[in-house]
Protein backbone atom coordinates (compact mmCIF):
# COMPACT_ATOMS: atom_id res chain seq x y z
CA MET A 1 19.00 -22.42 12.98
CA THR A 2 18.90 -18.79 14.34
CA LYS A 3 17.07 -16.00 12.49
CA ALA A 4 20.29 -14.35 11.27
CA THR A 5 21.20 -17.52 9.75
CA ARG A 6 18.13 -18.21 8.08
CA PHE A 7 17.89 -14.62 6.73
CA GLN A 8 21.54 -15.37 5.14
CA SER A 9 20.24 -18.50 3.42
CA ASP A 10 16.77 -17.13 2.20
CA PRO A 11 16.19 -13.39 2.50
CA ARG A 12 12.39 -13.86 2.11
CA LEU A 13 10.10 -13.57 4.86
CA LEU A 14 7.46 -15.53 3.61
CA GLY A 15 3.70 -15.90 5.27
CA GLU A 16 -0.24 -16.88 4.60
CA ARG A 17 -2.77 -14.22 3.91
CA ALA A 18 -6.05 -15.47 3.35
CA LEU A 19 -7.77 -13.70 -0.16
CA PRO A 20 -10.76 -12.04 0.95
CA GLN A 21 -14.64 -12.86 -0.25
CA ASP A 22 -16.82 -10.76 -2.01
CA GLY A 23 -17.90 -7.85 0.42
CA GLU A 24 -15.57 -8.24 2.90
CA GLU A 25 -12.55 -6.10 4.11
CA ARG A 26 -8.82 -7.46 3.28
CA HIS A 27 -7.67 -7.09 6.87
CA ASP A 28 -10.63 -8.43 8.41
CA ARG A 29 -9.42 -9.56 12.08
CA LYS A 30 -12.44 -11.80 13.06
CA PRO A 31 -13.42 -13.65 9.73
CA LYS A 32 -17.16 -14.59 9.60
CA ARG A 33 -16.73 -17.43 8.00
CA ARG A 34 -14.05 -20.16 6.98
CA ARG A 35 -11.72 -18.73 3.85
CA ALA A 36 -11.96 -20.86 0.70
CA ARG A 37 -8.43 -19.82 -0.40
CA SER A 38 -5.17 -18.09 0.97
CA VAL A 39 -1.91 -17.22 -0.89
CA THR A 40 1.79 -17.00 0.06
CA VAL A 41 3.23 -13.86 0.14
CA ASN A 42 6.80 -12.26 0.77
CA LEU A 43 6.19 -10.07 4.00
CA SER A 44 9.28 -7.92 2.83
CA GLU A 45 8.12 -7.49 -0.66
CA SER A 46 7.51 -3.95 0.31
CA PRO A 47 9.64 -1.48 2.41
CA LEU A 48 6.99 -0.95 4.74
CA GLY A 49 6.75 -4.96 4.79
CA TRP A 50 10.58 -4.96 5.30
CA LEU A 51 10.27 -2.64 8.22
CA HIS A 52 7.39 -4.51 10.14
CA ALA A 53 9.19 -7.92 9.12
CA ARG A 54 12.19 -6.83 11.05
CA GLY A 55 10.36 -5.26 14.05
CA HIS A 56 10.59 -1.73 13.26
CA LEU A 57 6.70 -0.53 13.10
CA SER A 58 3.89 -1.80 14.92
CA ASP A 59 0.84 -3.89 13.80
CA ARG A 60 -1.09 -0.39 13.84
CA GLN A 61 1.48 1.35 12.04
CA PHE A 62 1.94 -1.09 9.35
CA ASP A 63 -2.12 -1.53 9.04
CA ALA A 64 -2.34 2.39 8.45
CA GLY A 65 0.51 2.26 5.75
CA GLU A 66 -1.29 -0.58 4.15
CA LYS A 67 -5.00 1.21 4.30
CA LEU A 68 -2.95 4.25 2.54
CA ARG A 69 -1.35 2.28 -0.06
CA ALA A 70 -4.65 0.41 -0.62
CA ASP A 71 -6.44 3.66 -1.36
CA TRP A 72 -3.57 5.07 -3.36
CA GLU A 73 -4.02 1.21 -5.42
CA ARG A 74 -7.48 1.32 -5.54
CA ALA A 75 -7.60 5.20 -6.91
CA ASN A 76 -5.89 4.02 -9.62
CA LEU A 77 -3.29 6.57 -9.09
CA ALA A 78 -0.10 4.90 -9.86
CA PRO A 79 1.37 6.06 -13.28
CA ARG A 80 1.13 3.93 -16.42
CA ILE A 81 4.28 1.91 -17.26
CA THR A 82 2.98 -0.07 -20.48
CA MET A 83 0.22 0.81 -23.17
CA ARG A 84 -3.57 1.01 -22.44
CA TRP A 85 -4.90 -2.38 -23.52
CA ASP A 86 -8.74 -1.26 -24.00
CA ALA A 87 -10.16 -1.49 -27.54
CA ALA A 88 -9.41 0.86 -29.69
CA PRO A 89 -12.93 2.49 -31.19
CA VAL A 90 -13.98 1.53 -34.38
CA ALA A 91 -15.81 4.96 -36.26
CA ASN A 92 -19.40 4.08 -37.20
CA GLY A 93 -19.34 0.55 -37.33
CA ARG A 94 -21.82 -2.35 -36.05
CA ARG A 95 -18.93 -3.81 -33.98
CA ASN A 96 -17.92 -0.83 -32.35
CA ALA A 97 -15.89 -1.09 -29.30
CA PRO A 98 -17.50 -0.68 -26.44
CA ALA A 99 -17.56 2.86 -24.51
CA LEU A 100 -14.65 3.62 -21.86
CA LEU A 101 -15.96 3.51 -18.62
CA ASP A 102 -15.99 6.41 -16.37
CA GLU A 103 -14.06 5.96 -12.78
CA THR A 104 -16.05 3.68 -10.34
CA GLU A 105 -17.60 5.20 -7.33
CA ALA A 106 -15.12 3.02 -5.26
CA GLN A 107 -12.38 4.51 -7.17
CA LEU A 108 -13.47 8.01 -6.44
CA ALA A 109 -14.03 7.08 -2.55
CA ALA A 110 -10.61 5.82 -2.49
CA LYS A 111 -8.91 8.74 -4.30
CA LEU A 112 -10.99 11.08 -1.91
CA ARG A 113 -9.71 9.23 1.11
CA PHE A 114 -6.30 9.23 -0.32
CA GLU A 115 -6.17 13.06 -0.67
CA LYS A 116 -7.36 13.64 2.90
CA ALA A 117 -5.14 11.14 4.22
CA ILE A 118 -2.18 13.24 2.52
CA ASP A 119 -3.78 16.55 3.71
CA TYR A 120 -3.97 15.34 7.29
CA LEU A 121 -0.26 13.98 7.24
CA GLY A 122 0.63 18.05 5.91
CA ARG A 123 3.64 18.33 3.57
CA ASP A 124 6.08 17.32 5.57
CA LEU A 125 4.92 13.92 6.63
CA SER A 126 3.30 13.26 3.00
CA ASP A 127 6.53 13.40 1.44
CA ILE A 128 8.21 10.90 3.48
CA ALA A 129 4.98 8.79 3.30
CA TRP A 130 4.39 8.87 -0.29
CA ARG A 131 7.86 8.03 -0.96
CA ILE A 132 7.83 4.72 1.06
CA ILE A 133 4.48 3.50 1.09
CA CYS A 134 3.02 4.46 -2.53
CA GLY A 135 6.38 5.27 -4.21
CA GLY A 136 7.86 1.71 -2.96
CA GLU A 137 11.22 3.47 -1.92
CA GLY A 138 13.62 2.51 0.17
CA THR A 139 14.48 4.68 3.68
CA PRO A 140 17.73 5.25 2.79
CA VAL A 141 16.69 6.42 -0.46
CA ALA A 142 13.76 8.55 0.54
CA GLU A 143 16.37 10.19 2.79
CA LYS A 144 18.56 10.92 0.47
CA ASN A 145 16.26 12.37 -2.11
CA LEU A 146 14.91 14.53 0.50
CA GLY A 147 18.15 15.86 1.56
CA TRP A 148 17.65 14.38 5.14
CA PRO A 149 20.48 13.30 7.17
CA ALA A 150 21.03 9.53 7.40
CA ARG A 151 18.79 7.25 9.76
CA SER A 152 16.10 10.22 10.24
CA GLY A 153 13.45 8.80 7.65
CA LYS A 154 12.54 5.87 9.71
CA LEU A 155 11.65 8.24 12.62
CA VAL A 156 9.72 10.43 10.67
CA LEU A 157 7.92 7.55 8.73
CA LYS A 158 6.77 6.17 12.02
CA ILE A 159 5.33 9.71 13.02
CA ALA A 160 3.47 9.75 9.79
CA LEU A 161 2.13 6.23 10.29
CA ASP A 162 0.95 7.13 13.68
CA ARG A 163 -0.97 10.33 12.48
CA LEU A 164 -2.27 7.52 9.46
CA ALA A 165 -3.55 5.48 12.00
CA ILE A 166 -5.50 8.52 13.60
CA PHE A 167 -6.88 9.71 10.80
CA TYR A 168 -8.33 5.87 9.43
CA ARG A 169 -9.35 5.34 12.90
CA LEU A 170 -7.39 2.19 13.63
CA PRO A 171 -7.81 0.87 17.32
CA GLY A 172 -4.57 0.87 19.74
């Protein structure tokens, strides 16, 4: 079965990903021990994954984009789309709800890394990078929203991902 025929019958690109153990980085290339669990993921789920799965992005560019998205998610910068399910505080009761936690150090560090990465990209590159990597917009939608000509977004995104790879000091 050719690749085109397989894509027409099933548009998903499934792959196996190992789950990180406590204290490990997610994208550790040489695991120190055998991973206990793994999951099957759709590699073309995000716009960045879609571009990478079809050979439009190098592994280094994809990893740089994933690092930015991981920092964005870890910093909890996404808007809330549902209500907060924290317990409501009860006034002066013995069974008060626990005090709300402040941002964790990991969350603060991720927010700082994300802001520095966006600043490192500059205004023009950060627009397309945020829309596609964090916002989940497809390349044509991002081009239209930015008022760019068709098929220019992928080129600018690749430049932004190369700069992100330098910022995150990825080998390559």
